[in-house]
């Protein structure tokens, strides 16, 4: 994260910084920035609970989703491979799926408590499942991406809740990083 309300984009050849022309529309510090697979879009998740989708070339905000997680922090956001949806995670203990074109909430995945740590929600490699962390129960929670039904809860095996989770984009494996500084490698069994 950063204390800046707007992502700073740099030309790696000249180290010139580019800011959005509509940067005044953002006032809250950013927790995460993620590019889409093609780089044509990027999304920011902010401390004020908002998401903003930006054009990857012009750096213009093309879709603000104000209050995506109410007044709770939006911790993370990630695009689907086809760039049609954004999966976000907030300290409101909700994982949400948003339509990029309209900003409409499509699905909510409930049942994983997050209040203290910044932990992201991710898709598995086929985007059939959504994974996130339940701090309260020290588990990794897996939902069916289409129905939002919980599929399984996996004990993290860490002392304290996992603080980070990431899934391979091509294999049925993921890693979790624990508050105890452990890193666990998981072969997905869903």
C-alpha atoms as a PDB file:
ATOM      1  CA  UNK A   1       0.000   0.000   0.000  1.00  0.00           C
ATOM      2  CA  UNK A   2       0.799   3.663  -0.073  1.00  0.00           C
ATOM      3  CA  UNK A   3      -0.343   6.875   1.532  1.00  0.00           C
ATOM      4  CA  UNK A   4      -0.964   8.303  -1.943  1.00  0.00           C
ATOM      5  CA  UNK A   5      -4.562   8.327  -3.234  1.00  0.00           C
ATOM      6  CA  UNK A   6      -3.494   7.850  -6.874  1.00  0.00           C
ATOM      7  CA  UNK A   7      -1.200   5.249  -8.392  1.00  0.00           C
ATOM      8  CA  UNK A   8       2.024   6.700  -9.755  1.00  0.00           C
ATOM      9  CA  UNK A   9       2.876   5.170 -13.131  1.00  0.00           C
ATOM     10  CA  UNK A  10       6.466   5.331 -14.314  1.00  0.00           C
ATOM     11  CA  UNK A  11       7.997   4.977 -17.757  1.00  0.00           C
ATOM     12  CA  UNK A  12      10.779   2.468 -17.048  1.00  0.00           C
ATOM     13  CA  UNK A  13      12.952   3.910 -19.826  1.00  0.00           C
ATOM     14  CA  UNK A  14      12.858   7.542 -18.674  1.00  0.00           C
ATOM     15  CA  UNK A  15      11.657   7.185 -15.057  1.00  0.00           C
ATOM     16  CA  UNK A  16       9.042   9.830 -15.834  1.00  0.00           C
ATOM     17  CA  UNK A  17       6.043   9.722 -13.489  1.00  0.00           C
ATOM     18  CA  UNK A  18       2.522   9.932 -14.910  1.00  0.00           C
ATOM     19  CA  UNK A  19      -0.561  10.715 -12.845  1.00  0.00           C
ATOM     20  CA  UNK A  20      -4.178  10.512 -13.893  1.00  0.00           C
ATOM     21  CA  UNK A  21      -5.815  13.694 -15.188  1.00  0.00           C
ATOM     22  CA  UNK A  22      -8.793  12.930 -12.935  1.00  0.00           C
ATOM     23  CA  UNK A  23      -6.641  12.232  -9.874  1.00  0.00           C
ATOM     24  CA  UNK A  24      -8.677  14.706  -7.819  1.00  0.00           C
ATOM     25  CA  UNK A  25     -11.474  12.113  -7.778  1.00  0.00           C
ATOM     26  CA  UNK A  26      -9.382   9.979  -5.391  1.00  0.00           C
ATOM     27  CA  UNK A  27      -8.552  11.061  -1.861  1.00  0.00           C
ATOM     28  CA  UNK A  28      -7.943   7.874   0.130  1.00  0.00           C
ATOM     29  CA  UNK A  29      -4.654   5.946   0.417  1.00  0.00           C
ATOM     30  CA  UNK A  30      -4.304   2.867  -1.806  1.00  0.00           C
ATOM     31  CA  UNK A  31      -3.898  -0.628  -0.331  1.00  0.00           C
ATOM     32  CA  UNK A  32      -3.266  -2.496  -3.591  1.00  0.00           C
ATOM     33  CA  UNK A  33      -2.843  -1.971  -7.333  1.00  0.00           C
ATOM     34  CA  UNK A  34      -3.298  -4.842  -9.796  1.00  0.00           C
ATOM     35  CA  UNK A  35      -3.030  -4.888 -13.588  1.00  0.00           C
ATOM     36  CA  UNK A  36      -5.242  -7.001 -15.817  1.00  0.00           C
ATOM     37  CA  UNK A  37      -3.554  -9.782 -17.840  1.00  0.00           C
ATOM     38  CA  UNK A  38      -3.197  -7.581 -20.933  1.00  0.00           C
ATOM     39  CA  UNK A  39      -2.224  -4.415 -19.070  1.00  0.00           C
ATOM     40  CA  UNK A  40      -5.097  -2.510 -20.646  1.00  0.00           C
ATOM     41  CA  UNK A  41      -6.653  -1.886 -17.216  1.00  0.00           C
ATOM     42  CA  UNK A  42      -5.565  -1.693 -13.605  1.00  0.00           C
ATOM     43  CA  UNK A  43      -7.579  -1.563 -10.395  1.00  0.00           C
ATOM     44  CA  UNK A  44      -6.894   0.144  -7.078  1.00  0.00           C
ATOM     45  CA  UNK A  45      -8.318  -0.920  -3.708  1.00  0.00           C
ATOM     46  CA  UNK A  46      -8.435   1.943  -1.198  1.00  0.00           C
ATOM     47  CA  UNK A  47      -8.645   2.462   2.543  1.00  0.00           C
ATOM     48  CA  UNK A  48     -11.991   4.266   2.156  1.00  0.00           C
ATOM     49  CA  UNK A  49     -13.564   1.021   0.865  1.00  0.00           C
ATOM     50  CA  UNK A  50     -13.594   2.087  -2.787  1.00  0.00           C
ATOM     51  CA  UNK A  51     -12.326   0.393  -5.918  1.00  0.00           C
ATOM     52  CA  UNK A  52     -11.299   2.284  -9.018  1.00  0.00           C
ATOM     53  CA  UNK A  53     -10.704   0.794 -12.441  1.00  0.00           C
ATOM     54  CA  UNK A  54      -8.224   2.714 -14.566  1.00  0.00           C
ATOM     55  CA  UNK A  55      -7.263   2.704 -18.237  1.00  0.00           C
ATOM     56  CA  UNK A  56      -3.777   1.178 -18.401  1.00  0.00           C
ATOM     57  CA  UNK A  57      -2.610   3.531 -21.160  1.00  0.00           C
ATOM     58  CA  UNK A  58      -4.185   6.906 -20.377  1.00  0.00           C
ATOM     59  CA  UNK A  59      -4.324   6.405 -16.569  1.00  0.00           C
ATOM     60  CA  UNK A  60      -7.895   7.748 -16.601  1.00  0.00           C
ATOM     61  CA  UNK A  61     -10.339   6.382 -14.042  1.00  0.00           C
ATOM     62  CA  UNK A  62     -12.928   4.581 -16.172  1.00  0.00           C
ATOM     63  CA  UNK A  63     -15.041   3.031 -13.403  1.00  0.00           C
ATOM     64  CA  UNK A  64     -15.146   4.179  -9.784  1.00  0.00           C
ATOM     65  CA  UNK A  65     -16.922   1.810  -7.405  1.00  0.00           C
ATOM     66  CA  UNK A  66     -17.348   4.082  -4.403  1.00  0.00           C
ATOM     67  CA  UNK A  67     -18.059   2.330  -1.108  1.00  0.00           C
ATOM     68  CA  UNK A  68     -17.482  -1.125  -2.594  1.00  0.00           C
ATOM     69  CA  UNK A  69     -16.822  -2.350   0.947  1.00  0.00           C
ATOM     70  CA  UNK A  70     -18.834   0.304   2.760  1.00  0.00           C
ATOM     71  CA  UNK A  71     -16.649   2.296   5.124  1.00  0.00           C
ATOM     72  CA  UNK A  72     -14.325  -0.698   5.651  1.00  0.00           C
ATOM     73  CA  UNK A  73     -10.994  -0.850   3.834  1.00  0.00           C
ATOM     74  CA  UNK A  74     -10.884  -2.489   0.412  1.00  0.00           C
ATOM     75  CA  UNK A  75      -7.828  -4.685   0.892  1.00  0.00           C
ATOM     76  CA  UNK A  76      -7.310  -6.243  -2.512  1.00  0.00           C
ATOM     77  CA  UNK A  77      -8.688  -6.466  -6.017  1.00  0.00           C
ATOM     78  CA  UNK A  78      -7.846  -8.723  -8.945  1.00  0.00           C
ATOM     79  CA  UNK A  79      -9.188  -9.063 -12.499  1.00  0.00           C
ATOM     80  CA  UNK A  80     -10.556 -12.217 -14.060  1.00  0.00           C
ATOM     81  CA  UNK A  81      -8.533 -13.430 -17.034  1.00  0.00           C
ATOM     82  CA  UNK A  82     -11.123 -12.079 -19.492  1.00  0.00           C
ATOM     83  CA  UNK A  83     -11.049  -8.657 -17.750  1.00  0.00           C
ATOM     84  CA  UNK A  84     -14.854  -8.638 -17.392  1.00  0.00           C
ATOM     85  CA  UNK A  85     -14.878  -8.875 -13.592  1.00  0.00           C
ATOM     86  CA  UNK A  86     -12.920  -7.757 -10.537  1.00  0.00           C
ATOM     87  CA  UNK A  87     -12.760  -9.815  -7.348  1.00  0.00           C
ATOM     88  CA  UNK A  88     -12.301  -7.647  -4.262  1.00  0.00           C
ATOM     89  CA  UNK A  89     -11.715  -8.343  -0.597  1.00  0.00           C
ATOM     90  CA  UNK A  90     -12.383  -5.968   2.279  1.00  0.00           C
ATOM     91  CA  UNK A  91     -12.142  -5.643   6.024  1.00  0.00           C
ATOM     92  CA  UNK A  92     -15.948  -5.891   6.049  1.00  0.00           C
ATOM     93  CA  UNK A  93     -15.315  -9.672   5.846  1.00  0.00           C
ATOM     94  CA  UNK A  94     -16.792  -9.864   2.360  1.00  0.00           C
ATOM     95  CA  UNK A  95     -15.297 -11.034  -0.896  1.00  0.00           C
ATOM     96  CA  UNK A  96     -17.165  -9.466  -3.806  1.00  0.00           C
ATOM     97  CA  UNK A  97     -17.283  -9.927  -7.564  1.00  0.00           C
ATOM     98  CA  UNK A  98     -17.876  -6.776  -9.638  1.00  0.00           C
ATOM     99  CA  UNK A  99     -18.722  -6.331 -13.311  1.00  0.00           C
ATOM    100  CA  UNK A 100     -16.091  -4.044 -14.859  1.00  0.00           C
ATOM    101  CA  UNK A 101     -18.354  -2.558 -17.553  1.00  0.00           C
ATOM    102  CA  UNK A 102     -21.096  -1.407 -15.178  1.00  0.00           C
ATOM    103  CA  UNK A 103     -19.601  -1.480 -11.675  1.00  0.00           C
ATOM    104  CA  UNK A 104     -22.486  -3.757 -10.672  1.00  0.00           C
ATOM    105  CA  UNK A 105     -22.065  -6.175  -7.750  1.00  0.00           C
ATOM    106  CA  UNK A 106     -22.471  -9.682  -9.177  1.00  0.00           C
ATOM    107  CA  UNK A 107     -21.703 -12.007  -6.226  1.00  0.00           C
ATOM    108  CA  UNK A 108     -20.777 -11.914  -2.549  1.00  0.00           C
ATOM    109  CA  UNK A 109     -18.778 -14.638  -0.851  1.00  0.00           C
ATOM    110  CA  UNK A 110     -19.462 -14.646   2.899  1.00  0.00           C
ATOM    111  CA  UNK A 111     -18.081 -16.608   5.828  1.00  0.00           C
ATOM    112  CA  UNK A 112     -14.442 -15.545   6.154  1.00  0.00           C
ATOM    113  CA  UNK A 113     -13.711 -12.983   8.862  1.00  0.00           C
ATOM    114  CA  UNK A 114     -11.078 -10.329   8.086  1.00  0.00           C
ATOM    115  CA  UNK A 115     -10.631  -7.366  10.383  1.00  0.00           C
ATOM    116  CA  UNK A 116      -6.930  -7.031  11.191  1.00  0.00           C
ATOM    117  CA  UNK A 117      -4.686  -8.213   8.345  1.00  0.00           C
ATOM    118  CA  UNK A 118      -4.570  -7.295   4.687  1.00  0.00           C
ATOM    119  CA  UNK A 119      -5.149 -10.599   2.952  1.00  0.00           C
ATOM    120  CA  UNK A 120      -6.346 -10.943  -0.578  1.00  0.00           C
ATOM    121  CA  UNK A 121      -8.979 -13.090  -2.210  1.00  0.00           C
ATOM    122  CA  UNK A 122      -7.885 -14.993  -5.315  1.00  0.00           C
ATOM    123  CA  UNK A 123      -9.246 -17.277  -8.003  1.00  0.00           C
ATOM    124  CA  UNK A 124      -7.865 -20.737  -8.616  1.00  0.00           C
ATOM    125  CA  UNK A 125      -6.199 -21.354 -11.985  1.00  0.00           C
ATOM    126  CA  UNK A 126      -9.487 -22.153 -13.777  1.00  0.00           C
ATOM    127  CA  UNK A 127     -11.449 -19.403 -11.992  1.00  0.00           C
ATOM    128  CA  UNK A 128     -13.960 -22.022 -10.805  1.00  0.00           C
ATOM    129  CA  UNK A 129     -13.161 -21.333  -7.143  1.00  0.00           C
ATOM    130  CA  UNK A 130     -12.459 -18.318  -4.947  1.00  0.00           C
ATOM    131  CA  UNK A 131     -10.048 -18.578  -2.000  1.00  0.00           C
ATOM    132  CA  UNK A 132      -9.545 -16.267   0.954  1.00  0.00           C
ATOM    133  CA  UNK A 133      -8.509 -16.316   4.607  1.00  0.00           C
ATOM    134  CA  UNK A 134     -10.682 -16.538   7.702  1.00  0.00           C
ATOM    135  CA  UNK A 135      -8.618 -14.804  10.417  1.00  0.00           C
ATOM    136  CA  UNK A 136     -10.980 -15.742  13.222  1.00  0.00           C
ATOM    137  CA  UNK A 137     -10.830 -19.495  12.558  1.00  0.00           C
ATOM    138  CA  UNK A 138      -7.294 -19.602  11.123  1.00  0.00           C
ATOM    139  CA  UNK A 139      -8.495 -21.222   7.892  1.00  0.00           C
ATOM    140  CA  UNK A 140      -8.387 -20.889   4.132  1.00  0.00           C
ATOM    141  CA  UNK A 141     -11.957 -20.735   2.814  1.00  0.00           C
ATOM    142  CA  UNK A 142     -12.871 -21.963  -0.671  1.00  0.00           C
ATOM    143  CA  UNK A 143     -16.103 -20.991  -2.453  1.00  0.00           C
ATOM    144  CA  UNK A 144     -17.640 -22.057  -5.747  1.00  0.00           C
ATOM    145  CA  UNK A 145     -17.126 -18.962  -7.935  1.00  0.00           C
ATOM    146  CA  UNK A 146     -20.500 -19.290  -9.709  1.00  0.00           C
ATOM    147  CA  UNK A 147     -22.810 -20.141  -6.810  1.00  0.00           C
ATOM    148  CA  UNK A 148     -20.893 -18.415  -3.958  1.00  0.00           C
ATOM    149  CA  UNK A 149     -21.438 -21.568  -1.863  1.00  0.00           C
ATOM    150  CA  UNK A 150     -18.644 -22.573   0.507  1.00  0.00           C
ATOM    151  CA  UNK A 151     -16.931 -25.695  -0.785  1.00  0.00           C
ATOM    152  CA  UNK A 152     -14.439 -26.295   2.012  1.00  0.00           C
ATOM    153  CA  UNK A 153     -12.507 -24.768   4.889  1.00  0.00           C
ATOM    154  CA  UNK A 154      -8.856 -25.771   5.208  1.00  0.00           C
ATOM    155  CA  UNK A 155      -7.040 -25.391   8.561  1.00  0.00           C
ATOM    156  CA  UNK A 156      -4.035 -23.184   7.814  1.00  0.00           C
ATOM    157  CA  UNK A 157      -1.593 -25.079  10.026  1.00  0.00           C
ATOM    158  CA  UNK A 158      -0.013 -21.737  10.983  1.00  0.00           C
ATOM    159  CA  UNK A 159       0.216 -20.198  14.416  1.00  0.00           C
ATOM    160  CA  UNK A 160      -2.192 -17.336  13.908  1.00  0.00           C
ATOM    161  CA  UNK A 161      -4.106 -16.553  10.771  1.00  0.00           C
ATOM    162  CA  UNK A 162      -2.446 -16.545   7.354  1.00  0.00           C
ATOM    163  CA  UNK A 163      -1.527 -13.039   6.268  1.00  0.00           C
ATOM    164  CA  UNK A 164      -1.266 -13.657   2.532  1.00  0.00           C
ATOM    165  CA  UNK A 165      -2.564 -16.079  -0.042  1.00  0.00           C
ATOM    166  CA  UNK A 166      -1.783 -16.462  -3.726  1.00  0.00           C
ATOM    167  CA  UNK A 167      -2.753 -19.073  -6.307  1.00  0.00           C
ATOM    168  CA  UNK A 168      -0.802 -20.227  -9.333  1.00  0.00           C
ATOM    169  CA  UNK A 169      -2.401 -18.979 -12.571  1.00  0.00           C
ATOM    170  CA  UNK A 170      -1.666 -22.292 -14.337  1.00  0.00           C
ATOM    171  CA  UNK A 171      -1.488 -25.114 -11.758  1.00  0.00           C
ATOM    172  CA  UNK A 172      -3.849 -26.330  -8.983  1.00  0.00           C
ATOM    173  CA  UNK A 173      -1.504 -25.086  -6.229  1.00  0.00           C
ATOM    174  CA  UNK A 174      -1.373 -22.082  -3.905  1.00  0.00           C
ATOM    175  CA  UNK A 175       0.762 -20.645  -1.120  1.00  0.00           C
ATOM    176  CA  UNK A 176      -0.191 -19.099   2.194  1.00  0.00           C
ATOM    177  CA  UNK A 177       2.038 -16.969   4.392  1.00  0.00           C
ATOM    178  CA  UNK A 178       1.385 -17.151   8.114  1.00  0.00           C
ATOM    179  CA  UNK A 179       1.603 -14.599  10.879  1.00  0.00           C
ATOM    180  CA  UNK A 180       4.246 -16.939  12.339  1.00  0.00           C
ATOM    181  CA  UNK A 181       6.435 -16.279   9.247  1.00  0.00           C
ATOM    182  CA  UNK A 182       5.642 -19.696   7.807  1.00  0.00           C
ATOM    183  CA  UNK A 183       5.056 -20.263   4.104  1.00  0.00           C
ATOM    184  CA  UNK A 184       2.883 -23.229   3.178  1.00  0.00           C
ATOM    185  CA  UNK A 185       2.627 -24.775  -0.280  1.00  0.00           C
ATOM    186  CA  UNK A 186      -0.763 -26.359  -0.976  1.00  0.00           C
ATOM    187  CA  UNK A 187      -1.804 -28.794  -3.672  1.00  0.00           C
ATOM    188  CA  UNK A 188      -5.430 -27.979  -4.246  1.00  0.00           C
ATOM    189  CA  UNK A 189      -7.748 -30.837  -3.329  1.00  0.00           C
ATOM    190  CA  UNK A 190     -11.094 -29.216  -4.191  1.00  0.00           C
END
